[in-house]
Amino acid sequence: MNSTPVNRAEPKMPQRAMNIHRFHLPILLLLLLVGGCSTAPYRWPQESASGAGTPPQPAADSGTLPEQRPQPVQEDAEREHVSTPMPTIARAPVEETPAAAEQPPLPAVAALSQDADRHRRAGDLDAAAASLERGLRIAPRDPRLWQRLAQVRLEQGDARQAEELARRSLGLSGANTALRIRNWEIVAQARRLQGDGEGARRALERARGLRSGETG
């Protein structure tokens, strides 16, 4: 029996389906192009000199502030700009020279001294002391003012202060022998009023030594 080859025809796509594929193909291509442009390319981590990749850094949180490291204090630079105050040198008290002790007083001091003498003769010892104290504010190193104030305090009965003022005048009298003699006499009288007989005797000896030319 002869076998007759059967021509099997492949099924043909319907014309309508072919038209649908032709219409949708450009749209699909357009969507693929748009999707490819919107995708950001992936960046590989850059390798350092050692060959190890740098790990991605986490994004900083906007709610927290970055940690602030304390800056080193530049002590050496600050010390250069800070000026160190120079120490104050205390000066020893300088005694009046004979020429300075013999100098005439200032006009204002001379006027106050005359007022003190006038108040003292009138018996107003408080006013005399006030005038002498005003003069000492002007000329605090005038030994004559200290001696006169010591005499006023002695007449007021303040023996302790009279001795202190007379000794202060001694420290400023220099080689003024007459003024030093008068101061030692005030010291002797003040010590006698305080009951110090031996101290009064020594003060009188200093005054007699000055009169005889010895150092006092």
Protein backbone atom coordinates (compact mmCIF):
# COMPACT_ATOMS: atom_id res chain seq x y z
CA MET A 1 0.00 0.00 0.00
CA ASN A 2 1.39 3.22 -1.14
CA SER A 3 1.67 5.83 1.51
CA THR A 4 0.79 9.18 0.24
CA PRO A 5 2.67 11.97 2.06
CA VAL A 6 0.40 14.20 3.86
CA ASN A 7 1.19 17.85 3.57
CA ARG A 8 0.60 19.26 6.93
CA ALA A 9 0.33 22.95 6.64
CA GLU A 10 1.49 24.97 9.64
CA PRO A 11 -1.27 26.90 11.27
CA LYS A 12 -1.28 30.43 10.20
CA MET A 13 -1.67 33.26 12.71
CA PRO A 14 -4.87 35.06 12.25
CA GLN A 15 -4.61 38.43 10.61
CA ARG A 16 -6.15 40.20 13.61
CA ALA A 17 -3.50 38.83 16.01
CA MET A 18 -0.74 39.97 13.71
CA ASN A 19 -2.14 43.45 13.65
CA ILE A 20 -2.24 43.56 17.47
CA HIS A 21 1.44 42.51 17.73
CA ARG A 22 2.49 45.14 15.22
CA PHE A 23 0.67 47.85 17.22
CA HIS A 24 2.04 46.90 20.66
CA LEU A 25 5.66 46.32 19.66
CA PRO A 26 6.65 50.03 19.43
CA ILE A 27 5.00 50.71 22.78
CA LEU A 28 6.97 47.94 24.47
CA LEU A 29 10.22 49.22 23.03
CA LEU A 30 9.46 52.75 24.26
CA LEU A 31 8.73 51.49 27.79
CA LEU A 32 12.00 49.57 27.86
CA LEU A 33 13.96 52.66 26.83
CA VAL A 34 12.30 54.85 29.46
CA GLY A 35 12.90 52.27 32.18
CA GLY A 36 16.57 51.95 31.26
CA CYS A 37 17.13 55.73 31.46
CA SER A 38 15.50 56.09 34.90
CA THR A 39 17.63 53.43 36.52
CA ALA A 40 20.81 54.89 38.10
CA PRO A 41 23.94 53.02 37.18
CA TYR A 42 25.61 51.07 39.93
CA ARG A 43 28.94 52.48 41.09
CA TRP A 44 31.55 50.07 42.27
CA PRO A 45 33.40 51.08 45.49
CA GLN A 46 36.75 52.65 44.81
CA GLU A 47 39.72 50.75 46.00
CA SER A 48 42.33 52.40 48.22
CA ALA A 49 46.06 52.14 47.81
CA SER A 50 46.08 48.96 49.90
CA GLY A 51 43.58 47.34 47.59
CA ALA A 52 40.71 47.13 50.07
CA GLY A 53 37.41 48.58 49.08
CA THR A 54 36.04 51.50 51.03
CA PRO A 55 32.82 50.51 52.75
CA PRO A 56 29.88 52.81 52.18
CA GLN A 57 29.46 55.49 54.83
CA PRO A 58 26.07 55.65 56.58
CA ALA A 59 24.03 58.75 55.93
CA ALA A 60 24.16 61.35 58.71
CA ASP A 61 21.03 61.76 60.73
CA SER A 62 19.64 65.25 60.33
CA GLY A 63 18.26 65.16 63.88
CA THR A 64 21.63 64.80 65.64
CA LEU A 65 24.63 67.09 65.53
CA PRO A 66 28.04 65.73 64.58
CA GLU A 67 30.35 64.97 67.46
CA GLN A 68 32.64 67.90 68.20
CA ARG A 69 36.11 67.06 69.32
CA PRO A 70 37.79 69.43 71.77
CA GLN A 71 40.45 71.54 70.16
CA PRO A 72 43.88 71.41 71.80
CA VAL A 73 44.65 74.50 73.81
CA GLN A 74 47.64 76.30 72.45
CA GLU A 75 49.19 77.22 75.76
CA ASP A 76 52.51 78.26 74.29
CA ALA A 77 50.89 80.69 71.85
CA GLU A 78 48.72 82.22 74.56
CA ARG A 79 51.67 82.67 76.88
CA GLU A 80 53.44 84.72 74.26
CA HIS A 81 50.58 87.25 74.13
CA VAL A 82 49.88 87.43 77.88
CA SER A 83 52.02 90.05 79.50
CA THR A 84 53.35 89.06 82.89
CA PRO A 85 53.17 91.95 85.36
CA MET A 86 56.48 92.96 86.80
CA PRO A 87 56.79 92.53 90.58
CA THR A 88 56.64 95.67 92.65
CA ILE A 89 59.91 96.34 94.44
CA ALA A 90 59.35 97.68 97.92
CA ARG A 91 61.59 100.58 98.71
CA ALA A 92 63.02 101.11 102.13
CA PRO A 93 62.06 104.37 103.79
CA VAL A 94 64.62 107.06 103.05
CA GLU A 95 65.56 109.32 105.92
CA GLU A 96 65.59 113.03 105.32
CA THR A 97 69.01 114.47 104.62
CA PRO A 98 70.08 117.52 106.65
CA ALA A 99 69.46 119.76 103.65
CA ALA A 100 65.93 118.35 103.14
CA ALA A 101 65.06 118.69 106.82
CA GLU A 102 66.20 122.32 106.77
CA GLN A 103 64.22 123.25 103.69
CA PRO A 104 61.49 125.87 104.22
CA PRO A 105 57.96 124.45 104.30
CA LEU A 106 55.48 124.94 101.52
CA PRO A 107 53.36 128.12 101.80
CA ALA A 108 50.19 126.14 102.56
CA VAL A 109 52.00 124.08 105.21
CA ALA A 110 53.51 127.21 106.76
CA ALA A 111 50.06 128.80 106.99
CA LEU A 112 48.60 125.72 108.68
CA SER A 113 51.50 125.63 111.13
CA GLN A 114 50.84 129.25 112.09
CA ASP A 115 47.17 128.44 112.59
CA ALA A 116 48.13 125.53 114.85
CA ASP A 117 50.39 127.76 116.96
CA ARG A 118 47.65 130.35 117.29
CA HIS A 119 45.07 127.73 118.37
CA ARG A 120 47.53 126.25 120.83
CA ARG A 121 48.24 129.59 122.49
CA ALA A 122 44.50 130.13 122.75
CA GLY A 123 44.12 126.77 124.47
CA ASP A 124 42.22 125.14 121.60
CA LEU A 125 44.31 122.00 121.30
CA ASP A 126 41.77 120.15 119.12
CA ALA A 127 41.85 122.90 116.48
CA ALA A 128 45.66 122.97 116.68
CA ALA A 129 45.83 119.20 116.07
CA ALA A 130 43.37 119.48 113.17
CA SER A 131 45.52 122.14 111.46
CA LEU A 132 48.67 120.04 111.86
CA GLU A 133 46.94 116.95 110.48
CA ARG A 134 45.86 118.92 107.42
CA GLY A 135 49.45 120.00 106.95
CA LEU A 136 50.65 116.38 107.14
CA ARG A 137 48.27 115.44 104.32
CA ILE A 138 50.16 117.95 102.17
CA ALA A 139 53.67 117.21 103.43
CA PRO A 140 53.68 113.77 105.10
CA ARG A 141 57.50 113.70 105.37
CA ASP A 142 57.91 117.02 107.17
CA PRO A 143 59.49 116.16 110.57
CA ARG A 144 58.56 119.55 112.04
CA LEU A 145 54.84 118.85 111.63
CA TRP A 146 55.18 115.47 113.35
CA GLN A 147 57.08 117.06 116.24
CA ARG A 148 54.49 119.81 116.74
CA LEU A 149 51.63 117.29 116.63
CA ALA A 150 53.48 115.15 119.21
CA GLN A 151 53.72 118.19 121.50
CA VAL A 152 49.97 118.86 121.13
CA ARG A 153 49.10 115.20 121.94
CA LEU A 154 51.37 115.36 124.98
CA GLU A 155 49.54 118.46 126.26
CA GLN A 156 46.23 116.68 125.63
CA GLY A 157 47.38 113.83 127.91
CA ASP A 158 47.77 111.21 125.16
CA ALA A 159 51.27 110.09 126.17
CA ARG A 160 51.34 106.91 124.06
CA GLN A 161 50.49 108.69 120.81
CA ALA A 162 52.83 111.57 121.70
CA GLU A 163 55.74 109.12 121.94
CA GLU A 164 54.85 107.45 118.64
CA LEU A 165 54.63 110.79 116.83
CA ALA A 166 57.92 112.00 118.30
CA ARG A 167 59.72 108.82 117.23
CA ARG A 168 58.28 109.22 113.73
CA SER A 169 59.67 112.73 113.62
CA LEU A 170 63.05 111.34 114.74
CA GLY A 171 63.06 109.02 111.73
CA LEU A 172 62.67 112.00 109.38
CA SER A 173 64.86 114.55 111.19
CA GLY A 174 68.15 113.54 109.63
CA ALA A 175 71.00 115.55 111.18
CA ASN A 176 68.77 118.34 112.49
CA THR A 177 70.17 118.30 116.02
CA ALA A 178 67.75 120.81 117.56
CA LEU A 179 64.73 118.91 116.26
CA ARG A 180 66.11 115.57 117.45
CA ILE A 181 66.76 116.96 120.95
CA ARG A 182 63.22 118.24 121.21
CA ASN A 183 61.81 114.88 120.06
CA TRP A 184 63.82 112.94 122.68
CA GLU A 185 62.58 115.31 125.38
CA ILE A 186 58.96 114.63 124.28
CA VAL A 187 59.67 110.88 124.38
CA ALA A 188 61.09 111.22 127.92
CA GLN A 189 58.04 113.14 129.15
CA ALA A 190 55.63 110.66 127.47
CA ARG A 191 57.36 107.65 129.03
CA ARG A 192 57.33 109.29 132.44
CA LEU A 193 53.55 109.83 132.12
CA GLN A 194 53.17 106.15 131.24
CA GLY A 195 55.12 105.10 134.33
CA ASP A 196 58.27 104.07 132.45
CA GLY A 197 60.94 105.82 134.53
CA GLU A 198 63.85 103.85 133.10
CA GLY A 199 62.73 104.55 129.55
CA ALA A 200 62.36 108.23 130.35
CA ARG A 201 65.94 108.30 131.76
CA ARG A 202 67.38 106.72 128.59
CA ALA A 203 65.53 109.23 126.40
CA LEU A 204 66.94 112.14 128.43
CA GLU A 205 70.44 110.71 128.05
CA ARG A 206 69.98 110.70 124.28
CA ALA A 207 68.95 114.35 124.42
CA ARG A 208 71.99 115.28 126.61
CA GLY A 209 74.29 113.38 124.27
CA LEU A 210 73.05 115.43 121.33
CA ARG A 211 73.67 118.64 123.24
CA SER A 212 77.22 117.60 124.01
CA GLY A 213 77.90 116.70 120.39
CA GLU A 214 77.40 112.94 120.62
CA THR A 215 75.29 110.98 118.13
CA GLY A 216 71.64 110.69 119.03
